[in-house]
Each structure stands twice: as C-alpha cells, then as structure tokens.
C-alpha atoms as a PDB file:
ATOM      1  CA  MET A   1     164.079  21.285  99.275  1.00  0.00           C
ATOM      2  CA  THR A   2     165.327  22.124  95.976  1.00  0.00           C
ATOM      3  CA  TYR A   3     168.045  21.012  93.659  1.00  0.00           C
ATOM      4  CA  ILE A   4     172.062  22.568  94.157  1.00  0.00           C
ATOM      5  CA  ILE A   5     174.200  22.900  91.238  1.00  0.00           C
ATOM      6  CA  GLY A   6     178.100  21.899  92.990  1.00  0.00           C
ATOM      7  CA  GLN A   7     181.693  22.833  92.076  1.00  0.00           C
ATOM      8  CA  PRO A   8     181.628  20.505  88.740  1.00  0.00           C
ATOM      9  CA  CYS A   9     179.803  23.086  87.236  1.00  0.00           C
ATOM     10  CA  VAL A  10     182.448  26.093  87.397  1.00  0.00           C
ATOM     11  CA  ASP A  11     183.566  27.718  84.560  1.00  0.00           C
ATOM     12  CA  ILE A  12     181.862  24.425  82.345  1.00  0.00           C
ATOM     13  CA  LYS A  13     178.438  25.951  82.282  1.00  0.00           C
ATOM     14  CA  ASP A  14     177.096  23.417  80.209  1.00  0.00           C
ATOM     15  CA  ARG A  15     173.716  25.252  79.894  1.00  0.00           C
ATOM     16  CA  ALA A  16     171.717  21.671  79.102  1.00  0.00           C
ATOM     17  CA  CYS A  17     170.036  22.099  82.575  1.00  0.00           C
ATOM     18  CA  VAL A  18     169.273  25.689  81.551  1.00  0.00           C
ATOM     19  CA  ASP A  19     167.710  24.447  78.333  1.00  0.00           C
ATOM     20  CA  GLU A  20     165.547  21.315  79.997  1.00  0.00           C
ATOM     21  CA  CYS A  21     164.597  23.635  83.081  1.00  0.00           C
ATOM     22  CA  PRO A  22     160.699  23.854  82.900  1.00  0.00           C
ATOM     23  CA  VAL A  23     160.255  26.844  85.498  1.00  0.00           C
ATOM     24  CA  ASP A  24     163.816  29.486  84.265  1.00  0.00           C
ATOM     25  CA  CYS A  25     165.360  29.157  87.638  1.00  0.00           C
ATOM     26  CA  ILE A  26     168.914  28.159  86.562  1.00  0.00           C
ATOM     27  CA  TYR A  27     170.526  31.534  86.468  1.00  0.00           C
ATOM     28  CA  GLU A  28     174.318  32.074  84.716  1.00  0.00           C
ATOM     29  CA  GLY A  29     176.952  33.479  86.783  1.00  0.00           C
ATOM     30  CA  LYS A  30     180.180  34.955  85.172  1.00  0.00           C
ATOM     31  CA  ARG A  31     181.713  31.172  86.549  1.00  0.00           C
ATOM     32  CA  MET A  32     178.929  29.141  87.488  1.00  0.00           C
ATOM     33  CA  LEU A  33     175.111  28.590  87.297  1.00  0.00           C
ATOM     34  CA  TYR A  34     173.142  28.642  90.257  1.00  0.00           C
ATOM     35  CA  ILE A  35     169.586  27.256  90.553  1.00  0.00           C
ATOM     36  CA  GLN A  36     167.029  29.899  92.664  1.00  0.00           C
ATOM     37  CA  PRO A  37     165.954  27.898  96.000  1.00  0.00           C
ATOM     38  CA  ASP A  38     162.621  29.782  95.596  1.00  0.00           C
ATOM     39  CA  GLU A  39     161.743  29.521  92.074  1.00  0.00           C
ATOM     40  CA  CYS A  40     163.054  25.653  91.777  1.00  0.00           C
ATOM     41  CA  VAL A  41     159.856  23.571  91.724  1.00  0.00           C
ATOM     42  CA  ASP A  42     162.178  20.182  92.524  1.00  0.00           C
ATOM     43  CA  CYS A  43     160.890  18.507  89.202  1.00  0.00           C
ATOM     44  CA  GLY A  44     164.532  17.327  88.631  1.00  0.00           C
ATOM     45  CA  ALA A  45     164.535  17.540  85.056  1.00  0.00           C
ATOM     46  CA  CYS A  46     167.876  18.991  85.058  1.00  0.00           C
ATOM     47  CA  GLU A  47     169.759  16.694  87.312  1.00  0.00           C
ATOM     48  CA  PRO A  48     170.369  14.000  84.512  1.00  0.00           C
ATOM     49  CA  VAL A  49     171.464  16.476  81.805  1.00  0.00           C
ATOM     50  CA  CYS A  50     173.678  17.690  83.432  1.00  0.00           C
ATOM     51  CA  PRO A  51     177.094  16.280  81.804  1.00  0.00           C
ATOM     52  CA  VAL A  52     179.666  16.911  84.689  1.00  0.00           C
ATOM     53  CA  GLU A  53     177.054  15.471  87.066  1.00  0.00           C
ATOM     54  CA  ALA A  54     176.966  18.839  88.994  1.00  0.00           C
ATOM     55  CA  ILE A  55     173.661  18.880  89.984  1.00  0.00           C
ATOM     56  CA  TYR A  56     172.248  17.106  93.640  1.00  0.00           C
ATOM     57  CA  TYR A  57     169.167  16.812  95.011  1.00  0.00           C
ATOM     58  CA  GLU A  58     169.773  19.532  98.611  1.00  0.00           C
ATOM     59  CA  ASP A  59     169.429  15.740 100.428  1.00  0.00           C
ATOM     60  CA  ASP A  60     172.232  14.493  98.680  1.00  0.00           C
ATOM     61  CA  LEU A  61     174.636  16.910  98.267  1.00  0.00           C
ATOM     62  CA  PRO A  62     178.034  15.504  98.559  1.00  0.00           C
ATOM     63  CA  GLU A  63     179.451  16.522 102.394  1.00  0.00           C
ATOM     64  CA  ASP A  64     182.638  17.395 100.728  1.00  0.00           C
ATOM     65  CA  GLN A  65     180.487  19.940  98.814  1.00  0.00           C
ATOM     66  CA  SER A  66     178.177  21.167 101.589  1.00  0.00           C
ATOM     67  CA  GLU A  67     179.017  24.761 100.779  1.00  0.00           C
ATOM     68  CA  TYR A  68     177.206  25.033  97.906  1.00  0.00           C
ATOM     69  CA  TYR A  69     173.814  25.003  99.276  1.00  0.00           C
ATOM     70  CA  ASP A  70     175.037  28.391 100.811  1.00  0.00           C
ATOM     71  CA  VAL A  71     176.814  29.340  97.126  1.00  0.00           C
ATOM     72  CA  ASN A  72     173.168  29.013  95.783  1.00  0.00           C
ATOM     73  CA  VAL A  73     170.938  30.454  97.855  1.00  0.00           C
ATOM     74  CA  LYS A  74     173.304  33.345  98.321  1.00  0.00           C
ATOM     75  CA  PHE A  75     173.951  34.100  95.462  1.00  0.00           C
ATOM     76  CA  PHE A  76     169.933  35.410  94.763  1.00  0.00           C
ATOM     77  CA  ASP A  77     170.573  37.881  98.061  1.00  0.00           C
ATOM     78  CA  ASP A  78     171.127  40.548  95.824  1.00  0.00           C
ATOM     79  CA  LEU A  79     168.978  39.732  93.186  1.00  0.00           C
ATOM     80  CA  GLY A  80     165.854  37.973  95.145  1.00  0.00           C
ATOM     81  CA  MET A  81     163.757  36.409  92.919  1.00  0.00           C
ATOM     82  CA  PRO A  82     163.964  38.023  89.522  1.00  0.00           C
ATOM     83  CA  GLY A  83     161.523  35.546  87.952  1.00  0.00           C
ATOM     84  CA  GLY A  84     162.838  33.971  84.915  1.00  0.00           C
ATOM     85  CA  ALA A  85     166.722  33.612  84.263  1.00  0.00           C
ATOM     86  CA  ALA A  86     165.879  34.936  80.690  1.00  0.00           C
ATOM     87  CA  LYS A  87     164.894  38.176  81.966  1.00  0.00           C
ATOM     88  CA  LEU A  88     168.434  38.874  83.248  1.00  0.00           C
ATOM     89  CA  GLY A  89     170.752  36.910  80.820  1.00  0.00           C
ATOM     90  CA  VAL A  90     174.521  36.262  82.431  1.00  0.00           C
ATOM     91  CA  ILE A  91     175.256  38.129  85.273  1.00  0.00           C
ATOM     92  CA  ASP A  92     177.939  39.610  85.881  1.00  0.00           C
ATOM     93  CA  SER A  93     179.240  38.389  89.430  1.00  0.00           C
ATOM     94  CA  ASP A  94     179.322  34.752  90.932  1.00  0.00           C
ATOM     95  CA  HIS A  95     179.673  34.310  94.639  1.00  0.00           C
ATOM     96  CA  PRO A  96     182.252  35.220  96.267  1.00  0.00           C
ATOM     97  CA  LEU A  97     183.655  31.223  97.210  1.00  0.00           C
ATOM     98  CA  VAL A  98     183.458  30.878  93.366  1.00  0.00           C
ATOM     99  CA  ALA A  99     184.733  33.765  92.215  1.00  0.00           C
ATOM    100  CA  ALA A 100     187.993  33.317  94.639  1.00  0.00           C
ATOM    101  CA  LEU A 101     188.353  29.789  92.394  1.00  0.00           C
ATOM    102  CA  PRO A 102     191.383  29.203  90.337  1.00  0.00           C
ATOM    103  CA  PRO A 103     190.489  28.340  87.047  1.00  0.00           C
ATOM    104  CA  GLN A 104     189.100  24.890  86.760  1.00  0.00           C
ATOM    105  CA  ASN A 105     189.432  22.742  84.290  1.00  0.00           C
ATOM    106  CA  GLY A 106     191.937  24.195  81.795  1.00  0.00           C
ATOM    107  CA  ALA A 107     190.039  27.309  82.077  1.00  0.00           C
ATOM    108  CA  GLU A 108     191.398  30.962  81.579  1.00  0.00           C
END
C-alpha cells in the first residue's frame, strides 16, 4: 500500500508534502507532484500538511480520482526508483493524463 497524489495537486504543487516526507519519495513533475510507490514507506506525514487535500491513502482514493493511482505509478515507468527526489529536481514532464488537462485553478 502507498499514498497517492490526486487531481487537486495539478497546477498547485504546494510542496509542503515534499518538505515533510522523511524518505524524499515525492517527485515534482511539470504540473503536479507524484509519490514513487516503491520508495514510499506509508508513514502518512505528507497527508495532513497538504493544503488542498490532494493526498490519499491508496484505499481511500475517491472513486472519481481512481485513475490517479495509475498516474502516480506509471509516472515512474521510465524513471524507476531514482532513490530520492532531491537528486532529480523538477522533472520536465507529467503523466499524459495530467499533461492533457486544461489549466487548473487559474494557472496559465
């Protein structure tokens, strides 16, 4: 089991979760943050600090955001397990579903 970042993060990327994560498993894409499921230790530290409530325990992911499970997992298909987000910085891509979304929350 792992935590998942959902749609409310798109074009927000607050990063409070990144600062709180003790294992550096939250990676920053172009438009949203992603949790590397194999690096996540399920501590839950990220969930309460998210100001837009975009982080869910896998079993608690709302049905209308169920595709974000695959979004988080498949984002790492090419990256694998980099061993820490700080090593990579911002990744200049997103999962195709996220990339195709219109700008959210007033973002340009």
